[in-house]
Amino acid sequence: MPNYEVMFIVRPDVDEEALEATRKKVQAIIADHDGTLIEEKDMGKRRFAYTIVYKQGNEPIKYNEGYYTVYTFQANTDVVDELNRVLNIDDRVLRHLAINLETA
């Protein structure tokens, strides 16, 4: 099974419970696809290099920081598609990126 890394940024205005729920959701997706979590990095709240505008309803909200989390894992190739699908529709996640470490 190939090695992957997924990084995602959660909005800074969510509470600790919602942050943990998002992390647990990503871990569950990896486990559901017969994956093995190798490393988990909670990088905390960090400032962005540029402002991210997130549209919630009709009101755009500007964020200058967010909670970073990085997971390194082994899983089947279809896990990346599922992670992208779930993280795209989660309104707590501002940005995410999943890469194959063997081709990087």
C-alpha atoms as a PDB file:
ATOM      1  CA  MET A   1       0.000   0.000   0.000  1.00  0.00           C
ATOM      2  CA  PRO A   2       1.304   3.472  -0.836  1.00  0.00           C
ATOM      3  CA  ASN A   3       2.165   6.100   1.758  1.00  0.00           C
ATOM      4  CA  TYR A   4       0.112   9.299   1.796  1.00  0.00           C
ATOM      5  CA  GLU A   5       0.081  12.566   3.668  1.00  0.00           C
ATOM      6  CA  VAL A   6      -2.990  14.726   4.191  1.00  0.00           C
ATOM      7  CA  MET A   7      -2.878  18.257   5.574  1.00  0.00           C
ATOM      8  CA  PHE A   8      -6.020  20.179   6.455  1.00  0.00           C
ATOM      9  CA  ILE A   9      -6.734  23.562   8.007  1.00  0.00           C
ATOM     10  CA  VAL A  10      -9.737  24.014  10.290  1.00  0.00           C
ATOM     11  CA  ARG A  11     -11.347  27.422  10.874  1.00  0.00           C
ATOM     12  CA  PRO A  12      -9.995  29.232  13.955  1.00  0.00           C
ATOM     13  CA  ASP A  13     -13.466  30.030  15.332  1.00  0.00           C
ATOM     14  CA  VAL A  14     -14.477  26.396  15.970  1.00  0.00           C
ATOM     15  CA  ASP A  15     -14.367  25.027  19.499  1.00  0.00           C
ATOM     16  CA  GLU A  16     -12.058  22.227  20.641  1.00  0.00           C
ATOM     17  CA  GLU A  17     -14.860  19.670  20.330  1.00  0.00           C
ATOM     18  CA  ALA A  18     -15.474  20.468  16.655  1.00  0.00           C
ATOM     19  CA  LEU A  19     -11.744  20.402  15.924  1.00  0.00           C
ATOM     20  CA  GLU A  20     -11.433  16.944  17.480  1.00  0.00           C
ATOM     21  CA  ALA A  21     -14.544  15.745  15.628  1.00  0.00           C
ATOM     22  CA  THR A  22     -12.975  16.777  12.318  1.00  0.00           C
ATOM     23  CA  ARG A  23      -9.744  14.979  13.174  1.00  0.00           C
ATOM     24  CA  LYS A  24     -11.654  11.845  14.241  1.00  0.00           C
ATOM     25  CA  LYS A  25     -13.602  11.944  10.964  1.00  0.00           C
ATOM     26  CA  VAL A  26     -10.386  11.922   8.919  1.00  0.00           C
ATOM     27  CA  GLN A  27      -8.959   9.097  11.048  1.00  0.00           C
ATOM     28  CA  ALA A  28     -12.175   7.097  10.561  1.00  0.00           C
ATOM     29  CA  ILE A  29     -12.009   7.495   6.773  1.00  0.00           C
ATOM     30  CA  ILE A  30      -8.443   6.198   6.779  1.00  0.00           C
ATOM     31  CA  ALA A  31      -9.384   3.248   9.002  1.00  0.00           C
ATOM     32  CA  ASP A  32     -12.493   2.452   6.916  1.00  0.00           C
ATOM     33  CA  HIS A  33     -10.296   2.053   3.831  1.00  0.00           C
ATOM     34  CA  ASP A  34      -8.006  -0.444   5.615  1.00  0.00           C
ATOM     35  CA  GLY A  35      -5.411   2.232   6.201  1.00  0.00           C
ATOM     36  CA  THR A  36      -2.818   2.538   8.921  1.00  0.00           C
ATOM     37  CA  LEU A  37      -2.086   5.871  10.569  1.00  0.00           C
ATOM     38  CA  ILE A  38       1.697   6.272  10.779  1.00  0.00           C
ATOM     39  CA  GLU A  39       2.070   9.756  12.227  1.00  0.00           C
ATOM     40  CA  GLU A  40      -0.190  12.518  13.494  1.00  0.00           C
ATOM     41  CA  LYS A  41       1.017  16.116  13.793  1.00  0.00           C
ATOM     42  CA  ASP A  42      -1.129  18.696  15.527  1.00  0.00           C
ATOM     43  CA  MET A  43       0.573  21.899  14.443  1.00  0.00           C
ATOM     44  CA  GLY A  44      -1.766  24.178  16.363  1.00  0.00           C
ATOM     45  CA  LYS A  45      -3.090  27.542  15.302  1.00  0.00           C
ATOM     46  CA  ARG A  46      -0.931  29.295  12.728  1.00  0.00           C
ATOM     47  CA  ARG A  47      -1.138  32.546  10.846  1.00  0.00           C
ATOM     48  CA  PHE A  48      -1.689  32.406   7.065  1.00  0.00           C
ATOM     49  CA  ALA A  49       0.572  34.051   4.513  1.00  0.00           C
ATOM     50  CA  TYR A  50      -2.545  35.558   2.960  1.00  0.00           C
ATOM     51  CA  THR A  51      -6.190  36.045   3.928  1.00  0.00           C
ATOM     52  CA  ILE A  52      -8.584  33.221   3.067  1.00  0.00           C
ATOM     53  CA  VAL A  53     -12.111  34.384   2.251  1.00  0.00           C
ATOM     54  CA  TYR A  54     -14.736  31.794   3.170  1.00  0.00           C
ATOM     55  CA  LYS A  55     -18.264  32.388   1.981  1.00  0.00           C
ATOM     56  CA  GLN A  56     -20.897  31.354   4.511  1.00  0.00           C
ATOM     57  CA  GLY A  57     -24.352  32.152   3.167  1.00  0.00           C
ATOM     58  CA  ASN A  58     -24.214  35.617   1.626  1.00  0.00           C
ATOM     59  CA  GLU A  59     -21.619  36.919   4.058  1.00  0.00           C
ATOM     60  CA  PRO A  60     -17.913  36.476   3.175  1.00  0.00           C
ATOM     61  CA  ILE A  61     -15.765  35.834   6.241  1.00  0.00           C
ATOM     62  CA  LYS A  62     -12.038  36.581   6.198  1.00  0.00           C
ATOM     63  CA  TYR A  63      -9.654  34.308   8.070  1.00  0.00           C
ATOM     64  CA  ASN A  64      -6.012  35.081   8.829  1.00  0.00           C
ATOM     65  CA  GLU A  65      -5.250  31.922  10.836  1.00  0.00           C
ATOM     66  CA  GLY A  66      -6.365  28.332  11.277  1.00  0.00           C
ATOM     67  CA  TYR A  67      -5.661  25.007  13.009  1.00  0.00           C
ATOM     68  CA  TYR A  68      -3.241  22.839  11.012  1.00  0.00           C
ATOM     69  CA  THR A  69      -3.222  19.034  11.199  1.00  0.00           C
ATOM     70  CA  VAL A  70      -1.044  16.627   9.202  1.00  0.00           C
ATOM     71  CA  TYR A  71      -1.517  12.846   9.001  1.00  0.00           C
ATOM     72  CA  THR A  72       0.895  10.394   7.391  1.00  0.00           C
ATOM     73  CA  PHE A  73      -0.711   7.052   6.589  1.00  0.00           C
ATOM     74  CA  GLN A  74      -0.746   3.936   4.420  1.00  0.00           C
ATOM     75  CA  ALA A  75      -3.950   3.069   2.588  1.00  0.00           C
ATOM     76  CA  ASN A  76      -5.485   2.001  -0.695  1.00  0.00           C
ATOM     77  CA  THR A  77      -5.630   4.528  -3.514  1.00  0.00           C
ATOM     78  CA  ASP A  78      -9.360   5.187  -3.156  1.00  0.00           C
ATOM     79  CA  VAL A  79      -8.874   6.774   0.276  1.00  0.00           C
ATOM     80  CA  VAL A  80      -7.659  10.029  -1.304  1.00  0.00           C
ATOM     81  CA  ASP A  81     -10.861  10.401  -3.317  1.00  0.00           C
ATOM     82  CA  GLU A  82     -12.962   9.867  -0.202  1.00  0.00           C
ATOM     83  CA  LEU A  83     -10.866  12.292   1.858  1.00  0.00           C
ATOM     84  CA  ASN A  84     -11.190  14.947  -0.848  1.00  0.00           C
ATOM     85  CA  ARG A  85     -14.947  14.416  -1.066  1.00  0.00           C
ATOM     86  CA  VAL A  86     -15.532  14.622   2.688  1.00  0.00           C
ATOM     87  CA  LEU A  87     -13.164  17.522   3.367  1.00  0.00           C
ATOM     88  CA  ASN A  88     -14.618  19.531   0.461  1.00  0.00           C
ATOM     89  CA  ILE A  89     -18.113  19.444   1.977  1.00  0.00           C
ATOM     90  CA  ASP A  90     -17.051  19.983   5.609  1.00  0.00           C
ATOM     91  CA  ASP A  91     -17.702  23.653   6.414  1.00  0.00           C
ATOM     92  CA  ARG A  92     -15.123  23.612   9.227  1.00  0.00           C
ATOM     93  CA  VAL A  93     -12.244  22.886   6.813  1.00  0.00           C
ATOM     94  CA  LEU A  94     -10.815  25.895   4.966  1.00  0.00           C
ATOM     95  CA  ARG A  95      -8.171  24.091   2.890  1.00  0.00           C
ATOM     96  CA  HIS A  96      -6.820  20.567   2.486  1.00  0.00           C
ATOM     97  CA  LEU A  97      -4.248  18.691   0.430  1.00  0.00           C
ATOM     98  CA  ALA A  98      -3.530  14.971   0.106  1.00  0.00           C
ATOM     99  CA  ILE A  99      -0.360  13.740  -1.596  1.00  0.00           C
ATOM    100  CA  ASN A 100       1.248  10.414  -2.423  1.00  0.00           C
ATOM    101  CA  LEU A 101       4.644  10.434  -0.693  1.00  0.00           C
ATOM    102  CA  GLU A 102       6.118   7.853  -3.037  1.00  0.00           C
ATOM    103  CA  THR A 103       5.717  10.062  -6.106  1.00  0.00           C
ATOM    104  CA  ALA A 104       6.549  13.369  -4.413  1.00  0.00           C
END
